[in-house]
Amino acid sequence: MNLTKDQKKQKSQDLASEITASGTLFFTAYQGLKFVDMAELRAQLAPTGAKFRVERNAIVDHAIRQAKIEGADEKLFQGPTAIAVGGDIAAVAKALVDFQKKFAALKLRACYSDGVWYSEEQVKQLATIGTKEENLSKLAGALYNAVAQSAQVLQAPIRDFAYVIKAVEDKQNGK
């Protein structure tokens, strides 16, 4: 589909505003994936809040410049490129890495998030740290356990004192 120059500018501006709003952008090579496979990947990424799509390299390059993102490697724009925009960085990384295990045709190239560029190896490491919700639930569990243990320790003298009083009462009543 041939786009006019104005349509390309508009797509670039829209993508730039999406990137700026989300702060996260994944670059992948998708050559060799079937349409059905890409639809499955989109479905897996939907719960993470990321949108996966194929864009022209020139449009992505202009969008990155408009979003004032610096340090992009020119190798990112060689060959067919698909991008995932938005979502929790760890959740998206996990979904992409899991999909890549199933379909080797998907190649992770890089990720940009909040001013930092990540290589393919670093994206794979991000996939292992867990999502924001998982990490928050682990933290909440650890905090709850600390509070519960403190409460048990503080209640122990009161409980022991109650046992002593009960023993004295039983002794006086002849039990």
C-alpha atoms as a PDB file:
ATOM      1  CA  MET A   1       0.000   0.000   0.000  1.00  0.00           C
ATOM      2  CA  ASN A   2       1.511   3.289  -1.092  1.00  0.00           C
ATOM      3  CA  LEU A   3       1.160   6.117   1.366  1.00  0.00           C
ATOM      4  CA  THR A   4       1.309   9.771   0.485  1.00  0.00           C
ATOM      5  CA  LYS A   5       3.928  11.949   2.081  1.00  0.00           C
ATOM      6  CA  ASP A   6       1.304  13.521   4.360  1.00  0.00           C
ATOM      7  CA  GLN A   7       0.054  10.090   5.457  1.00  0.00           C
ATOM      8  CA  LYS A   8       3.609   9.021   6.286  1.00  0.00           C
ATOM      9  CA  LYS A   9       4.157  12.191   8.324  1.00  0.00           C
ATOM     10  CA  GLN A  10       0.900  11.619  10.177  1.00  0.00           C
ATOM     11  CA  LYS A  11       1.758   7.962  10.935  1.00  0.00           C
ATOM     12  CA  SER A  12       5.172   9.061  12.141  1.00  0.00           C
ATOM     13  CA  GLN A  13       3.687  11.741  14.408  1.00  0.00           C
ATOM     14  CA  ASP A  14       1.115   9.308  15.806  1.00  0.00           C
ATOM     15  CA  LEU A  15       3.782   6.717  16.526  1.00  0.00           C
ATOM     16  CA  ALA A  16       6.020   9.343  18.134  1.00  0.00           C
ATOM     17  CA  SER A  17       3.228  10.400  20.478  1.00  0.00           C
ATOM     18  CA  GLU A  18       2.545   6.726  21.346  1.00  0.00           C
ATOM     19  CA  ILE A  19       6.218   6.143  22.107  1.00  0.00           C
ATOM     20  CA  THR A  20       6.411   9.295  24.216  1.00  0.00           C
ATOM     21  CA  ALA A  21       3.280   8.345  26.152  1.00  0.00           C
ATOM     22  CA  SER A  22       4.310   4.743  26.806  1.00  0.00           C
ATOM     23  CA  GLY A  23       8.067   5.155  27.119  1.00  0.00           C
ATOM     24  CA  THR A  24       8.694   1.568  25.969  1.00  0.00           C
ATOM     25  CA  LEU A  25       9.526   0.300  22.489  1.00  0.00           C
ATOM     26  CA  PHE A  26      10.679  -3.176  21.403  1.00  0.00           C
ATOM     27  CA  PHE A  27      12.278  -3.846  18.013  1.00  0.00           C
ATOM     28  CA  THR A  28      11.915  -7.279  16.420  1.00  0.00           C
ATOM     29  CA  ALA A  29      12.575  -8.974  13.104  1.00  0.00           C
ATOM     30  CA  TYR A  30       9.599 -11.044  12.061  1.00  0.00           C
ATOM     31  CA  GLN A  31      10.628 -12.434   8.679  1.00  0.00           C
ATOM     32  CA  GLY A  32       9.429 -16.017   8.400  1.00  0.00           C
ATOM     33  CA  LEU A  33       6.432 -15.656  10.710  1.00  0.00           C
ATOM     34  CA  LYS A  34       3.040 -16.400   9.269  1.00  0.00           C
ATOM     35  CA  PHE A  35       0.127 -14.039   9.670  1.00  0.00           C
ATOM     36  CA  VAL A  36      -1.527 -16.503  12.051  1.00  0.00           C
ATOM     37  CA  ASP A  37       1.623 -16.590  14.195  1.00  0.00           C
ATOM     38  CA  MET A  38       1.723 -12.802  14.383  1.00  0.00           C
ATOM     39  CA  ALA A  39      -1.949 -12.752  15.372  1.00  0.00           C
ATOM     40  CA  GLU A  40      -1.125 -15.195  18.181  1.00  0.00           C
ATOM     41  CA  LEU A  41       1.723 -12.938  19.327  1.00  0.00           C
ATOM     42  CA  ARG A  42      -0.600  -9.929  19.338  1.00  0.00           C
ATOM     43  CA  ALA A  43      -3.053 -11.911  21.472  1.00  0.00           C
ATOM     44  CA  GLN A  44      -0.280 -12.828  23.928  1.00  0.00           C
ATOM     45  CA  LEU A  45       0.859  -9.208  24.145  1.00  0.00           C
ATOM     46  CA  ALA A  46      -2.654  -7.778  24.613  1.00  0.00           C
ATOM     47  CA  PRO A  47      -2.796  -8.445  28.395  1.00  0.00           C
ATOM     48  CA  THR A  48       0.540  -6.643  28.827  1.00  0.00           C
ATOM     49  CA  GLY A  49      -0.832  -3.465  27.270  1.00  0.00           C
ATOM     50  CA  ALA A  50       1.596  -3.539  24.334  1.00  0.00           C
ATOM     51  CA  LYS A  51       0.624  -3.111  20.707  1.00  0.00           C
ATOM     52  CA  PHE A  52       2.581  -5.170  18.188  1.00  0.00           C
ATOM     53  CA  ARG A  53       2.663  -4.083  14.572  1.00  0.00           C
ATOM     54  CA  VAL A  54       4.736  -3.941  11.430  1.00  0.00           C
ATOM     55  CA  GLU A  55       5.865  -0.461  10.444  1.00  0.00           C
ATOM     56  CA  ARG A  56       8.062   0.900   7.716  1.00  0.00           C
ATOM     57  CA  ASN A  57      11.597   1.511   8.923  1.00  0.00           C
ATOM     58  CA  ALA A  58      11.559   5.117   7.735  1.00  0.00           C
ATOM     59  CA  ILE A  59       8.376   5.846   9.705  1.00  0.00           C
ATOM     60  CA  VAL A  60       9.807   4.274  12.869  1.00  0.00           C
ATOM     61  CA  ASP A  61      13.088   6.155  12.400  1.00  0.00           C
ATOM     62  CA  HIS A  62      11.280   9.496  12.010  1.00  0.00           C
ATOM     63  CA  ALA A  63       9.004   8.713  14.968  1.00  0.00           C
ATOM     64  CA  ILE A  64      12.016   8.014  17.178  1.00  0.00           C
ATOM     65  CA  ARG A  65      13.576  11.304  16.173  1.00  0.00           C
ATOM     66  CA  GLN A  66      10.311  13.163  16.820  1.00  0.00           C
ATOM     67  CA  ALA A  67      10.083  11.497  20.254  1.00  0.00           C
ATOM     68  CA  LYS A  68      13.613  12.829  20.908  1.00  0.00           C
ATOM     69  CA  ILE A  69      15.081   9.374  21.446  1.00  0.00           C
ATOM     70  CA  GLU A  70      18.800   9.259  20.808  1.00  0.00           C
ATOM     71  CA  GLY A  71      21.274   6.441  20.493  1.00  0.00           C
ATOM     72  CA  ALA A  72      19.345   4.213  18.094  1.00  0.00           C
ATOM     73  CA  ASP A  73      21.613   1.826  16.210  1.00  0.00           C
ATOM     74  CA  GLU A  74      21.209   1.965  12.432  1.00  0.00           C
ATOM     75  CA  LYS A  75      21.110  -1.850  12.376  1.00  0.00           C
ATOM     76  CA  LEU A  76      17.634  -1.648  13.896  1.00  0.00           C
ATOM     77  CA  PHE A  77      16.318  -0.317  10.597  1.00  0.00           C
ATOM     78  CA  GLN A  78      17.740  -2.999   8.320  1.00  0.00           C
ATOM     79  CA  GLY A  79      15.269  -5.489   6.964  1.00  0.00           C
ATOM     80  CA  PRO A  80      11.611  -5.957   7.920  1.00  0.00           C
ATOM     81  CA  THR A  81      10.873  -4.542  11.346  1.00  0.00           C
ATOM     82  CA  ALA A  82       7.990  -5.051  13.737  1.00  0.00           C
ATOM     83  CA  ILE A  83       7.634  -3.056  16.919  1.00  0.00           C
ATOM     84  CA  ALA A  84       5.870  -3.525  20.223  1.00  0.00           C
ATOM     85  CA  VAL A  85       4.905  -0.232  21.848  1.00  0.00           C
ATOM     86  CA  GLY A  86       3.855   0.236  25.456  1.00  0.00           C
ATOM     87  CA  GLY A  87       3.094  -2.098  28.299  1.00  0.00           C
ATOM     88  CA  ASP A  88       5.031  -3.210  31.349  1.00  0.00           C
ATOM     89  CA  ILE A  89       8.590  -3.734  30.120  1.00  0.00           C
ATOM     90  CA  ALA A  90       9.127  -7.011  32.003  1.00  0.00           C
ATOM     91  CA  ALA A  91       5.760  -8.465  30.955  1.00  0.00           C
ATOM     92  CA  VAL A  92       6.311  -7.589  27.288  1.00  0.00           C
ATOM     93  CA  ALA A  93       9.866  -8.932  27.389  1.00  0.00           C
ATOM     94  CA  LYS A  94       8.621 -12.193  28.915  1.00  0.00           C
ATOM     95  CA  ALA A  95       5.878 -12.555  26.299  1.00  0.00           C
ATOM     96  CA  LEU A  96       8.322 -11.900  23.437  1.00  0.00           C
ATOM     97  CA  VAL A  97      10.966 -14.280  24.799  1.00  0.00           C
ATOM     98  CA  ASP A  98       8.371 -17.016  25.387  1.00  0.00           C
ATOM     99  CA  PHE A  99       7.033 -16.541  21.862  1.00  0.00           C
ATOM    100  CA  GLN A 100      10.561 -16.618  20.463  1.00  0.00           C
ATOM    101  CA  LYS A 101      11.105 -20.013  22.108  1.00  0.00           C
ATOM    102  CA  LYS A 102       8.055 -21.323  20.258  1.00  0.00           C
ATOM    103  CA  PHE A 103       8.745 -19.511  16.950  1.00  0.00           C
ATOM    104  CA  ALA A 104      12.449 -19.032  16.251  1.00  0.00           C
ATOM    105  CA  ALA A 105      11.632 -16.774  13.278  1.00  0.00           C
ATOM    106  CA  LEU A 106      10.956 -13.913  15.709  1.00  0.00           C
ATOM    107  CA  LYS A 107      14.215 -12.161  16.482  1.00  0.00           C
ATOM    108  CA  LEU A 108      14.555  -9.632  19.274  1.00  0.00           C
ATOM    109  CA  ARG A 109      16.721  -6.734  18.192  1.00  0.00           C
ATOM    110  CA  ALA A 110      16.556  -4.191  21.004  1.00  0.00           C
ATOM    111  CA  CYS A 111      14.360  -2.378  23.472  1.00  0.00           C
ATOM    112  CA  TYR A 112      14.120   1.252  24.509  1.00  0.00           C
ATOM    113  CA  SER A 113      12.524   2.171  27.799  1.00  0.00           C
ATOM    114  CA  ASP A 114      12.644   5.426  29.745  1.00  0.00           C
ATOM    115  CA  GLY A 115      15.901   6.685  28.265  1.00  0.00           C
ATOM    116  CA  VAL A 116      17.774   3.362  28.287  1.00  0.00           C
ATOM    117  CA  TRP A 117      18.586   1.069  25.351  1.00  0.00           C
ATOM    118  CA  TYR A 118      18.625  -2.686  26.014  1.00  0.00           C
ATOM    119  CA  SER A 119      20.279  -5.309  23.814  1.00  0.00           C
ATOM    120  CA  GLU A 120      18.717  -8.665  22.965  1.00  0.00           C
ATOM    121  CA  GLU A 121      20.553 -10.349  25.859  1.00  0.00           C
ATOM    122  CA  GLN A 122      19.395  -7.681  28.306  1.00  0.00           C
ATOM    123  CA  VAL A 123      15.798  -8.073  27.100  1.00  0.00           C
ATOM    124  CA  LYS A 124      16.061 -11.796  27.839  1.00  0.00           C
ATOM    125  CA  GLN A 125      17.277 -10.940  31.354  1.00  0.00           C
ATOM    126  CA  LEU A 126      14.360  -8.535  31.791  1.00  0.00           C
ATOM    127  CA  ALA A 127      12.023 -11.406  30.987  1.00  0.00           C
ATOM    128  CA  THR A 128      13.240 -13.299  34.048  1.00  0.00           C
ATOM    129  CA  ILE A 129      12.583 -10.607  36.679  1.00  0.00           C
ATOM    130  CA  GLY A 130       8.806 -10.892  36.630  1.00  0.00           C
ATOM    131  CA  THR A 131       6.080  -8.394  35.965  1.00  0.00           C
ATOM    132  CA  LYS A 132       5.303  -5.368  38.070  1.00  0.00           C
ATOM    133  CA  GLU A 133       2.274  -7.109  39.598  1.00  0.00           C
ATOM    134  CA  GLU A 134       4.300 -10.226  40.482  1.00  0.00           C
ATOM    135  CA  ASN A 135       7.022  -8.167  42.124  1.00  0.00           C
ATOM    136  CA  LEU A 136       4.498  -6.055  44.044  1.00  0.00           C
ATOM    137  CA  SER A 137       2.725  -9.175  45.314  1.00  0.00           C
ATOM    138  CA  LYS A 138       6.058 -10.649  46.473  1.00  0.00           C
ATOM    139  CA  LEU A 139       6.853  -7.397  48.271  1.00  0.00           C
ATOM    140  CA  ALA A 140       3.418  -7.299  49.899  1.00  0.00           C
ATOM    141  CA  GLY A 141       3.840 -10.898  51.064  1.00  0.00           C
ATOM    142  CA  ALA A 142       7.252 -10.154  52.554  1.00  0.00           C
ATOM    143  CA  LEU A 143       5.933  -7.074  54.343  1.00  0.00           C
ATOM    144  CA  TYR A 144       2.909  -8.984  55.659  1.00  0.00           C
ATOM    145  CA  ASN A 145       5.133 -11.770  56.999  1.00  0.00           C
ATOM    146  CA  ALA A 146       7.380  -9.257  58.758  1.00  0.00           C
ATOM    147  CA  VAL A 147       4.407  -7.542  60.390  1.00  0.00           C
ATOM    148  CA  ALA A 148       2.767 -10.863  61.339  1.00  0.00           C
ATOM    149  CA  GLN A 149       5.966 -12.164  62.946  1.00  0.00           C
ATOM    150  CA  SER A 150       6.395  -8.902  64.867  1.00  0.00           C
ATOM    151  CA  ALA A 151       2.818  -9.121  66.102  1.00  0.00           C
ATOM    152  CA  GLN A 152       3.372 -12.699  67.303  1.00  0.00           C
ATOM    153  CA  VAL A 153       6.528 -11.719  69.176  1.00  0.00           C
ATOM    154  CA  LEU A 154       4.775  -8.757  70.814  1.00  0.00           C
ATOM    155  CA  GLN A 155       1.772 -10.896  71.783  1.00  0.00           C
ATOM    156  CA  ALA A 156       3.920 -13.627  73.367  1.00  0.00           C
ATOM    157  CA  PRO A 157       4.474 -11.868  76.764  1.00  0.00           C
ATOM    158  CA  ILE A 158       0.775 -11.054  77.050  1.00  0.00           C
ATOM    159  CA  ARG A 159      -0.184 -14.631  76.173  1.00  0.00           C
ATOM    160  CA  ASP A 160       2.371 -16.034  78.635  1.00  0.00           C
ATOM    161  CA  PHE A 161       1.114 -13.673  81.332  1.00  0.00           C
ATOM    162  CA  ALA A 162      -2.444 -14.866  80.689  1.00  0.00           C
ATOM    163  CA  TYR A 163      -1.276 -18.503  81.086  1.00  0.00           C
ATOM    164  CA  VAL A 164       0.381 -17.640  84.428  1.00  0.00           C
ATOM    165  CA  ILE A 165      -2.788 -15.964  85.714  1.00  0.00           C
ATOM    166  CA  LYS A 166      -4.885 -18.938  84.551  1.00  0.00           C
ATOM    167  CA  ALA A 167      -2.461 -21.340  86.328  1.00  0.00           C
ATOM    168  CA  VAL A 168      -2.604 -19.300  89.558  1.00  0.00           C
ATOM    169  CA  GLU A 169      -6.420 -19.209  89.359  1.00  0.00           C
ATOM    170  CA  ASP A 170      -6.571 -22.971  88.775  1.00  0.00           C
ATOM    171  CA  LYS A 171      -4.225 -23.543  91.732  1.00  0.00           C
ATOM    172  CA  GLN A 172      -6.349 -21.384  94.034  1.00  0.00           C
ATOM    173  CA  ASN A 173      -9.525 -23.132  92.946  1.00  0.00           C
ATOM    174  CA  GLY A 174      -7.899 -26.481  93.627  1.00  0.00           C
ATOM    175  CA  LYS A 175      -7.876 -27.751  90.114  1.00  0.00           C
END
